[in-house]
Amino acid sequence: MPIDELDGQLIELFAAEPRVGVLEASRRLGVARGTVQARLDRLARDGVIAGHGPEIDPAALGYGVTAFVTLQLRQAGGHDPVAARLAQVPEVIEAHTITGPGDMLCRIVARSNTDLQRVIDVIVDVAGVERASSVISLANQIPYRTLPLVRAVSGPAGDGPPRGRPPR
């Protein structure tokens, strides 16, 4: 769904200051309060804005180890039942069906390397999982981000930055 420059400005403002409020956003952007509310409602309805909750840092909760685990699944049964079982493991914070040498890629967190072994053991014990291969993240060089995409599609005239050039 295409977004325009005002949509981009709204997303950036609420990403930077989630508690800014509709009235203050309208004042800062120089548009009517109803316009801000209607835009936010449309962006949420169309799935561009997926949530308004706080971002949680697992490390601040004591989960300082992040690992990526590639799973090889038993072909009978499919991915969905495995994903449903993995969703019951609190330390599995993300899972993707993938192409390549594995079937599913999970991002997991643990309290320590010893705890990581426990989490991997729980994952390998999930029905449908045949094998797991893991790598530990040493540092997050580029945290999860979407604002560069917003800027790319909502630039002036809706064209975003020229192709081949990164957004400002």
C-alpha atoms as a PDB file:
ATOM      1  CA  MET A   1       0.000   0.000   0.000  1.00  0.00           C
ATOM      2  CA  PRO A   2       1.503   3.310  -0.989  1.00  0.00           C
ATOM      3  CA  ILE A   3       2.160   5.899   1.677  1.00  0.00           C
ATOM      4  CA  ASP A   4       2.827   9.571   1.163  1.00  0.00           C
ATOM      5  CA  GLU A   5       5.121  12.077   2.813  1.00  0.00           C
ATOM      6  CA  LEU A   6       2.649  12.909   5.624  1.00  0.00           C
ATOM      7  CA  ASP A   7       2.212   9.196   6.401  1.00  0.00           C
ATOM      8  CA  GLY A   8       6.001   8.909   6.576  1.00  0.00           C
ATOM      9  CA  GLN A   9       6.263  11.891   8.895  1.00  0.00           C
ATOM     10  CA  LEU A  10       3.583  10.423  11.172  1.00  0.00           C
ATOM     11  CA  ILE A  11       5.319   7.056  11.314  1.00  0.00           C
ATOM     12  CA  GLU A  12       8.681   8.670  12.078  1.00  0.00           C
ATOM     13  CA  LEU A  13       7.187  10.883  14.789  1.00  0.00           C
ATOM     14  CA  PHE A  14       5.372   8.024  16.529  1.00  0.00           C
ATOM     15  CA  ALA A  15       8.409   5.736  16.166  1.00  0.00           C
ATOM     16  CA  ALA A  16      10.611   8.354  17.859  1.00  0.00           C
ATOM     17  CA  GLU A  17       8.006   9.351  20.463  1.00  0.00           C
ATOM     18  CA  PRO A  18       5.351   6.637  20.842  1.00  0.00           C
ATOM     19  CA  ARG A  19       3.523   8.571  23.565  1.00  0.00           C
ATOM     20  CA  VAL A  20       3.345  11.868  21.666  1.00  0.00           C
ATOM     21  CA  GLY A  21      -0.459  11.805  21.258  1.00  0.00           C
ATOM     22  CA  VAL A  22      -2.635  12.671  18.301  1.00  0.00           C
ATOM     23  CA  LEU A  23      -3.202  16.308  19.293  1.00  0.00           C
ATOM     24  CA  GLU A  24       0.520  17.021  19.722  1.00  0.00           C
ATOM     25  CA  ALA A  25       1.311  15.204  16.463  1.00  0.00           C
ATOM     26  CA  SER A  26      -1.208  17.355  14.618  1.00  0.00           C
ATOM     27  CA  ARG A  27       0.319  20.511  16.120  1.00  0.00           C
ATOM     28  CA  ARG A  28       3.887  19.490  15.196  1.00  0.00           C
ATOM     29  CA  LEU A  29       2.990  18.459  11.653  1.00  0.00           C
ATOM     30  CA  GLY A  30       0.654  21.368  11.028  1.00  0.00           C
ATOM     31  CA  VAL A  31      -2.394  19.297  10.112  1.00  0.00           C
ATOM     32  CA  ALA A  32      -5.801  18.777  11.670  1.00  0.00           C
ATOM     33  CA  ARG A  33      -6.194  16.353  14.567  1.00  0.00           C
ATOM     34  CA  GLY A  34      -8.801  14.437  12.559  1.00  0.00           C
ATOM     35  CA  THR A  35      -6.330  14.055   9.690  1.00  0.00           C
ATOM     36  CA  VAL A  36      -3.723  12.535  12.007  1.00  0.00           C
ATOM     37  CA  GLN A  37      -6.276  10.161  13.546  1.00  0.00           C
ATOM     38  CA  ALA A  38      -7.662   9.123  10.148  1.00  0.00           C
ATOM     39  CA  ARG A  39      -4.153   8.512   8.789  1.00  0.00           C
ATOM     40  CA  LEU A  40      -3.138   6.449  11.827  1.00  0.00           C
ATOM     41  CA  ASP A  41      -6.362   4.421  11.597  1.00  0.00           C
ATOM     42  CA  ARG A  42      -5.772   3.731   7.881  1.00  0.00           C
ATOM     43  CA  LEU A  43      -2.122   2.804   8.416  1.00  0.00           C
ATOM     44  CA  ALA A  44      -3.139   0.385  11.188  1.00  0.00           C
ATOM     45  CA  ARG A  45      -6.053  -1.056   9.186  1.00  0.00           C
ATOM     46  CA  ASP A  46      -3.789  -1.626   6.160  1.00  0.00           C
ATOM     47  CA  GLY A  47      -1.148  -3.323   8.327  1.00  0.00           C
ATOM     48  CA  VAL A  48       1.560  -0.696   7.803  1.00  0.00           C
ATOM     49  CA  ILE A  49       1.544   0.015  11.544  1.00  0.00           C
ATOM     50  CA  ALA A  50       1.587  -3.392  13.184  1.00  0.00           C
ATOM     51  CA  GLY A  51       1.463  -2.348  16.827  1.00  0.00           C
ATOM     52  CA  HIS A  52       1.754   0.376  19.401  1.00  0.00           C
ATOM     53  CA  GLY A  53       3.343  -1.594  22.213  1.00  0.00           C
ATOM     54  CA  PRO A  54       6.673  -0.909  23.857  1.00  0.00           C
ATOM     55  CA  GLU A  55       9.842  -2.410  22.406  1.00  0.00           C
ATOM     56  CA  ILE A  56      11.297  -4.900  24.865  1.00  0.00           C
ATOM     57  CA  ASP A  57      15.040  -5.501  25.178  1.00  0.00           C
ATOM     58  CA  PRO A  58      15.551  -9.173  26.144  1.00  0.00           C
ATOM     59  CA  ALA A  59      18.986  -8.335  27.604  1.00  0.00           C
ATOM     60  CA  ALA A  60      17.353  -5.946  30.082  1.00  0.00           C
ATOM     61  CA  LEU A  61      15.200  -8.879  31.228  1.00  0.00           C
ATOM     62  CA  GLY A  62      18.300 -10.992  31.837  1.00  0.00           C
ATOM     63  CA  TYR A  63      18.438 -12.712  28.429  1.00  0.00           C
ATOM     64  CA  GLY A  64      21.841 -11.446  27.299  1.00  0.00           C
ATOM     65  CA  VAL A  65      22.604 -14.244  24.810  1.00  0.00           C
ATOM     66  CA  THR A  66      21.037 -14.170  21.342  1.00  0.00           C
ATOM     67  CA  ALA A  67      21.404 -17.059  18.919  1.00  0.00           C
ATOM     68  CA  PHE A  68      20.067 -18.014  15.523  1.00  0.00           C
ATOM     69  CA  VAL A  69      19.044 -21.638  15.160  1.00  0.00           C
ATOM     70  CA  THR A  70      18.468 -23.289  11.793  1.00  0.00           C
ATOM     71  CA  LEU A  71      16.108 -26.246  12.073  1.00  0.00           C
ATOM     72  CA  GLN A  72      15.765 -29.188   9.776  1.00  0.00           C
ATOM     73  CA  LEU A  73      12.216 -30.526   9.991  1.00  0.00           C
ATOM     74  CA  ARG A  74      10.690 -33.877   9.276  1.00  0.00           C
ATOM     75  CA  GLN A  75       8.952 -33.427   5.923  1.00  0.00           C
ATOM     76  CA  ALA A  76       5.764 -35.185   7.036  1.00  0.00           C
ATOM     77  CA  GLY A  77       3.523 -32.878   9.025  1.00  0.00           C
ATOM     78  CA  GLY A  78       4.633 -29.527   7.657  1.00  0.00           C
ATOM     79  CA  HIS A  79       5.920 -26.336   9.244  1.00  0.00           C
ATOM     80  CA  ASP A  80       2.778 -25.067  10.969  1.00  0.00           C
ATOM     81  CA  PRO A  81       2.587 -27.693  13.741  1.00  0.00           C
ATOM     82  CA  VAL A  82       6.277 -27.172  14.539  1.00  0.00           C
ATOM     83  CA  ALA A  83       5.820 -23.398  14.594  1.00  0.00           C
ATOM     84  CA  ALA A  84       2.841 -23.764  16.927  1.00  0.00           C
ATOM     85  CA  ARG A  85       4.922 -25.856  19.335  1.00  0.00           C
ATOM     86  CA  LEU A  86       7.887 -23.461  19.118  1.00  0.00           C
ATOM     87  CA  ALA A  87       5.551 -20.581  19.961  1.00  0.00           C
ATOM     88  CA  GLN A  88       5.129 -22.222  23.373  1.00  0.00           C
ATOM     89  CA  VAL A  89       8.870 -21.764  24.110  1.00  0.00           C
ATOM     90  CA  PRO A  90       9.249 -18.239  25.581  1.00  0.00           C
ATOM     91  CA  GLU A  91      12.880 -17.934  24.485  1.00  0.00           C
ATOM     92  CA  VAL A  92      11.941 -18.374  20.807  1.00  0.00           C
ATOM     93  CA  ILE A  93      11.307 -14.750  19.904  1.00  0.00           C
ATOM     94  CA  GLU A  94      11.051 -15.168  16.139  1.00  0.00           C
ATOM     95  CA  ALA A  95      10.741 -18.007  13.619  1.00  0.00           C
ATOM     96  CA  HIS A  96      10.774 -17.968   9.822  1.00  0.00           C
ATOM     97  CA  THR A  97      10.244 -20.672   7.225  1.00  0.00           C
ATOM     98  CA  ILE A  98      13.291 -20.425   4.953  1.00  0.00           C
ATOM     99  CA  THR A  99      14.827 -21.695   1.745  1.00  0.00           C
ATOM    100  CA  GLY A 100      18.268 -23.232   1.592  1.00  0.00           C
ATOM    101  CA  PRO A 101      19.888 -25.930   3.691  1.00  0.00           C
ATOM    102  CA  GLY A 102      17.391 -25.634   6.558  1.00  0.00           C
ATOM    103  CA  ASP A 103      13.625 -25.445   6.869  1.00  0.00           C
ATOM    104  CA  MET A 104      13.144 -22.894   9.643  1.00  0.00           C
ATOM    105  CA  LEU A 105      15.266 -20.151  11.196  1.00  0.00           C
ATOM    106  CA  CYS A 106      14.623 -19.125  14.801  1.00  0.00           C
ATOM    107  CA  ARG A 107      15.988 -16.232  16.794  1.00  0.00           C
ATOM    108  CA  ILE A 108      16.254 -17.273  20.404  1.00  0.00           C
ATOM    109  CA  VAL A 109      17.478 -15.691  23.620  1.00  0.00           C
ATOM    110  CA  ALA A 110      18.967 -17.208  26.745  1.00  0.00           C
ATOM    111  CA  ARG A 111      20.353 -16.072  30.080  1.00  0.00           C
ATOM    112  CA  SER A 112      23.794 -17.632  29.507  1.00  0.00           C
ATOM    113  CA  ASN A 113      25.553 -20.120  27.246  1.00  0.00           C
ATOM    114  CA  THR A 114      24.537 -22.891  29.665  1.00  0.00           C
ATOM    115  CA  ASP A 115      20.937 -21.708  29.447  1.00  0.00           C
ATOM    116  CA  LEU A 116      21.282 -21.568  25.660  1.00  0.00           C
ATOM    117  CA  GLN A 117      22.050 -25.289  25.686  1.00  0.00           C
ATOM    118  CA  ARG A 118      18.869 -25.878  27.699  1.00  0.00           C
ATOM    119  CA  VAL A 119      16.790 -23.828  25.214  1.00  0.00           C
ATOM    120  CA  ILE A 120      18.281 -25.665  22.227  1.00  0.00           C
ATOM    121  CA  ASP A 121      17.523 -28.990  23.948  1.00  0.00           C
ATOM    122  CA  VAL A 122      13.903 -27.895  24.380  1.00  0.00           C
ATOM    123  CA  ILE A 123      13.718 -26.925  20.699  1.00  0.00           C
ATOM    124  CA  VAL A 124      15.272 -30.171  19.479  1.00  0.00           C
ATOM    125  CA  ASP A 125      12.753 -32.050  21.616  1.00  0.00           C
ATOM    126  CA  VAL A 126       9.849 -30.458  19.685  1.00  0.00           C
ATOM    127  CA  ALA A 127       8.015 -33.060  17.596  1.00  0.00           C
ATOM    128  CA  GLY A 128       8.902 -32.588  13.932  1.00  0.00           C
ATOM    129  CA  VAL A 129      12.369 -31.135  14.536  1.00  0.00           C
ATOM    130  CA  GLU A 130      15.090 -33.471  13.275  1.00  0.00           C
ATOM    131  CA  ARG A 131      18.225 -31.387  13.673  1.00  0.00           C
ATOM    132  CA  ALA A 132      19.335 -27.951  14.846  1.00  0.00           C
ATOM    133  CA  SER A 133      22.370 -25.857  13.997  1.00  0.00           C
ATOM    134  CA  SER A 134      23.045 -22.687  15.956  1.00  0.00           C
ATOM    135  CA  VAL A 135      25.208 -19.595  15.824  1.00  0.00           C
ATOM    136  CA  ILE A 136      25.594 -17.138  18.683  1.00  0.00           C
ATOM    137  CA  SER A 137      25.283 -13.436  17.978  1.00  0.00           C
ATOM    138  CA  LEU A 138      28.298 -11.552  19.314  1.00  0.00           C
ATOM    139  CA  ALA A 139      26.949  -8.059  18.631  1.00  0.00           C
ATOM    140  CA  ASN A 140      23.910  -6.538  16.946  1.00  0.00           C
ATOM    141  CA  GLN A 141      25.494  -4.330  14.285  1.00  0.00           C
ATOM    142  CA  ILE A 142      22.214  -3.110  12.753  1.00  0.00           C
ATOM    143  CA  PRO A 143      19.198  -3.410  15.063  1.00  0.00           C
ATOM    144  CA  TYR A 144      15.829  -4.294  13.549  1.00  0.00           C
ATOM    145  CA  ARG A 145      14.654  -1.224  11.696  1.00  0.00           C
ATOM    146  CA  THR A 146      11.994  -0.191   9.235  1.00  0.00           C
ATOM    147  CA  LEU A 147      12.259   3.599   9.115  1.00  0.00           C
ATOM    148  CA  PRO A 148      14.676   3.537   6.139  1.00  0.00           C
ATOM    149  CA  LEU A 149      11.959   1.659   4.211  1.00  0.00           C
ATOM    150  CA  VAL A 150       9.346   4.214   5.266  1.00  0.00           C
ATOM    151  CA  ARG A 151      11.628   7.018   4.084  1.00  0.00           C
ATOM    152  CA  ALA A 152      12.280   5.222   0.796  1.00  0.00           C
ATOM    153  CA  VAL A 153       8.603   4.943  -0.092  1.00  0.00           C
ATOM    154  CA  SER A 154       7.271   8.165   1.438  1.00  0.00           C
ATOM    155  CA  GLY A 155       9.819  10.708   0.214  1.00  0.00           C
ATOM    156  CA  PRO A 156       8.725  13.923  -1.471  1.00  0.00           C
ATOM    157  CA  ALA A 157       6.220  13.210  -4.242  1.00  0.00           C
ATOM    158  CA  GLY A 158       6.042   9.617  -2.952  1.00  0.00           C
ATOM    159  CA  ASP A 159       9.081   8.683  -4.999  1.00  0.00           C
ATOM    160  CA  GLY A 160      11.497   8.182  -2.123  1.00  0.00           C
ATOM    161  CA  PRO A 161      15.222   8.591  -2.695  1.00  0.00           C
ATOM    162  CA  PRO A 162      16.705   8.063  -6.130  1.00  0.00           C
ATOM    163  CA  ARG A 163      17.359   4.388  -6.836  1.00  0.00           C
ATOM    164  CA  GLY A 164      20.785   3.227  -5.744  1.00  0.00           C
ATOM    165  CA  ARG A 165      21.193   5.961  -3.117  1.00  0.00           C
ATOM    166  CA  PRO A 166      20.520   5.234   0.544  1.00  0.00           C
ATOM    167  CA  PRO A 167      17.919   7.349   2.352  1.00  0.00           C
ATOM    168  CA  ARG A 168      19.086  10.225   4.552  1.00  0.00           C
END
